[in-house]
Amino acid sequence: MNLLDILSCPVCKGRVEYHKNTAEIQCPRCRKAYPIVDDIPVMIQEQARIITREESENPR
């Protein structure tokens, strides 16, 4: 079992994805990105950033 199998977005409870290049857990549904600090995902809504439309259309 993978950590992503049990993590979900704290806002919409949807599926999340790991993005290695930005060191974030992202929710494509809410367009929120949660940071990973010291190898621990910080799944706190106030700590999330909004994923721009340009980022979501052109993933790195």
Protein backbone atom coordinates (compact mmCIF):
# COMPACT_ATOMS: atom_id res chain seq x y z
CA MET A 1 0.00 0.00 0.00
CA ASN A 2 1.21 3.47 -0.93
CA LEU A 3 0.75 6.62 1.19
CA LEU A 4 -1.18 8.22 -1.68
CA ASP A 5 -3.69 5.36 -1.41
CA ILE A 6 -4.77 6.59 2.01
CA LEU A 7 -4.28 10.37 1.69
CA SER A 8 -7.10 12.57 0.48
CA CYS A 9 -7.64 16.28 0.10
CA PRO A 10 -8.74 17.78 3.43
CA VAL A 11 -11.09 20.16 1.58
CA CYS A 12 -12.97 18.00 -0.94
CA LYS A 13 -11.85 14.52 0.23
CA GLY A 14 -10.78 13.82 -3.36
CA ARG A 15 -7.80 11.97 -4.79
CA VAL A 16 -4.39 13.63 -4.48
CA GLU A 17 -1.21 13.32 -6.55
CA TYR A 18 2.46 13.57 -5.65
CA HIS A 19 4.51 16.05 -7.66
CA LYS A 20 8.20 15.39 -7.14
CA ASN A 21 9.45 18.46 -9.02
CA THR A 22 7.62 20.85 -6.65
CA ALA A 23 7.74 18.58 -3.56
CA GLU A 24 3.98 18.85 -3.13
CA ILE A 25 0.86 16.80 -2.79
CA GLN A 26 -1.69 18.29 -5.19
CA CYS A 27 -5.45 18.03 -5.45
CA PRO A 28 -6.46 18.50 -9.10
CA ARG A 29 -10.12 18.90 -8.14
CA CYS A 30 -9.58 21.83 -5.69
CA ARG A 31 -6.44 23.05 -7.43
CA LYS A 32 -4.59 23.15 -4.11
CA ALA A 33 -0.99 22.15 -3.48
CA TYR A 34 0.15 21.01 -0.06
CA PRO A 35 3.86 21.25 0.81
CA ILE A 36 6.03 18.36 1.91
CA VAL A 37 8.28 19.38 4.79
CA ASP A 38 10.98 17.01 6.05
CA ASP A 39 9.34 14.19 4.05
CA ILE A 40 5.96 14.80 5.75
CA PRO A 41 2.96 16.08 3.76
CA VAL A 42 1.45 19.13 5.47
CA MET A 43 -2.22 18.61 4.65
CA ILE A 44 -3.48 21.81 6.28
CA GLN A 45 -5.77 23.97 4.18
CA GLU A 46 -4.22 27.22 5.43
CA GLN A 47 -0.76 26.01 4.36
CA ALA A 48 -1.85 25.09 0.83
CA ARG A 49 -1.28 27.23 -2.20
CA ILE A 50 -3.62 27.58 -5.13
CA ILE A 51 -2.46 25.89 -8.32
CA THR A 52 -2.71 28.38 -11.15
CA ARG A 53 -4.69 27.55 -14.26
CA GLU A 54 -1.45 27.71 -16.25
CA GLU A 55 0.20 25.14 -13.94
CA SER A 56 -2.74 22.79 -14.19
CA GLU A 57 -2.81 23.02 -18.00
CA ASN A 58 0.98 22.60 -18.36
CA PRO A 59 2.23 20.22 -15.67
CA ARG A 60 5.99 20.12 -15.30
